[in-house]
Amino acid sequence: MKKVFKLLDYPLVFSLIVTIIFGILMMYSASSIVAVKNYGYSGDFFFRSQLNKLF
């Protein structure tokens, strides 16, 4: 198990996590108005949908 952690490229993993979080936040800010106005869903509908798909 320690060998696996030694092989990880930590800056790359950190960059990936930051990019995923940034993308989810952008999805929330861009789609909250659309969800409420066009579909009648709650403002965080698409945000929760993306979180469910992520995990």
C-alpha atoms as a PDB file:
ATOM      1  CA  MET A   1       0.000   0.000   0.000  1.00  0.00           C
ATOM      2  CA  LYS A   2       2.843   2.379   0.788  1.00  0.00           C
ATOM      3  CA  LYS A   3       4.280   1.693  -2.657  1.00  0.00           C
ATOM      4  CA  VAL A   4       1.068   2.924  -4.297  1.00  0.00           C
ATOM      5  CA  PHE A   5       1.170   6.206  -2.382  1.00  0.00           C
ATOM      6  CA  LYS A   6       4.816   6.710  -3.324  1.00  0.00           C
ATOM      7  CA  LEU A   7       3.909   6.433  -7.007  1.00  0.00           C
ATOM      8  CA  LEU A   8       1.204   9.101  -6.858  1.00  0.00           C
ATOM      9  CA  ASP A   9       1.935  12.440  -8.449  1.00  0.00           C
ATOM     10  CA  TYR A  10       0.541  14.673  -5.701  1.00  0.00           C
ATOM     11  CA  PRO A  11       0.503  17.958  -7.655  1.00  0.00           C
ATOM     12  CA  LEU A  12      -1.450  16.217 -10.415  1.00  0.00           C
ATOM     13  CA  VAL A  13      -3.950  14.720  -7.949  1.00  0.00           C
ATOM     14  CA  PHE A  14      -4.358  18.097  -6.249  1.00  0.00           C
ATOM     15  CA  SER A  15      -4.896  19.807  -9.609  1.00  0.00           C
ATOM     16  CA  LEU A  16      -7.507  17.217 -10.553  1.00  0.00           C
ATOM     17  CA  ILE A  17      -9.428  17.711  -7.301  1.00  0.00           C
ATOM     18  CA  VAL A  18      -9.326  21.505  -7.638  1.00  0.00           C
ATOM     19  CA  THR A  19     -10.535  21.273 -11.249  1.00  0.00           C
ATOM     20  CA  ILE A  20     -13.427  18.994 -10.279  1.00  0.00           C
ATOM     21  CA  ILE A  21     -14.498  21.335  -7.471  1.00  0.00           C
ATOM     22  CA  PHE A  22     -14.222  24.347  -9.776  1.00  0.00           C
ATOM     23  CA  GLY A  23     -16.310  22.595 -12.430  1.00  0.00           C
ATOM     24  CA  ILE A  24     -19.026  21.683  -9.945  1.00  0.00           C
ATOM     25  CA  LEU A  25     -19.187  25.264  -8.678  1.00  0.00           C
ATOM     26  CA  MET A  26     -19.423  26.575 -12.242  1.00  0.00           C
ATOM     27  CA  MET A  27     -22.212  24.078 -12.948  1.00  0.00           C
ATOM     28  CA  TYR A  28     -24.075  25.395  -9.910  1.00  0.00           C
ATOM     29  CA  SER A  29     -23.700  29.056 -10.808  1.00  0.00           C
ATOM     30  CA  ALA A  30     -24.600  28.559 -14.465  1.00  0.00           C
ATOM     31  CA  SER A  31     -27.555  26.236 -14.006  1.00  0.00           C
ATOM     32  CA  SER A  32     -29.370  27.493 -10.917  1.00  0.00           C
ATOM     33  CA  ILE A  33     -31.316  30.139 -12.847  1.00  0.00           C
ATOM     34  CA  VAL A  34     -32.102  27.704 -15.661  1.00  0.00           C
ATOM     35  CA  ALA A  35     -33.379  25.079 -13.214  1.00  0.00           C
ATOM     36  CA  VAL A  36     -35.752  27.515 -11.519  1.00  0.00           C
ATOM     37  CA  LYS A  37     -36.882  29.501 -14.534  1.00  0.00           C
ATOM     38  CA  ASN A  38     -37.228  26.836 -17.225  1.00  0.00           C
ATOM     39  CA  TYR A  39     -37.949  23.641 -15.319  1.00  0.00           C
ATOM     40  CA  GLY A  40     -39.411  24.726 -11.992  1.00  0.00           C
ATOM     41  CA  TYR A  41     -36.807  22.753 -10.027  1.00  0.00           C
ATOM     42  CA  SER A  42     -34.974  24.033  -6.977  1.00  0.00           C
ATOM     43  CA  GLY A  43     -31.913  26.159  -7.649  1.00  0.00           C
ATOM     44  CA  ASP A  44     -29.507  23.416  -6.646  1.00  0.00           C
ATOM     45  CA  PHE A  45     -31.131  20.604  -8.667  1.00  0.00           C
ATOM     46  CA  PHE A  46     -28.366  20.286 -11.273  1.00  0.00           C
ATOM     47  CA  PHE A  47     -25.681  20.815  -8.622  1.00  0.00           C
ATOM     48  CA  ARG A  48     -26.986  17.887  -6.581  1.00  0.00           C
ATOM     49  CA  SER A  49     -27.349  15.828  -9.743  1.00  0.00           C
ATOM     50  CA  GLN A  50     -23.675  16.352 -10.602  1.00  0.00           C
ATOM     51  CA  LEU A  51     -22.591  15.541  -7.050  1.00  0.00           C
ATOM     52  CA  ASN A  52     -24.552  12.293  -7.186  1.00  0.00           C
ATOM     53  CA  LYS A  53     -22.846  11.361 -10.451  1.00  0.00           C
ATOM     54  CA  LEU A  54     -19.437  12.224  -9.030  1.00  0.00           C
ATOM     55  CA  PHE A  55     -19.851   9.905  -6.062  1.00  0.00           C
END
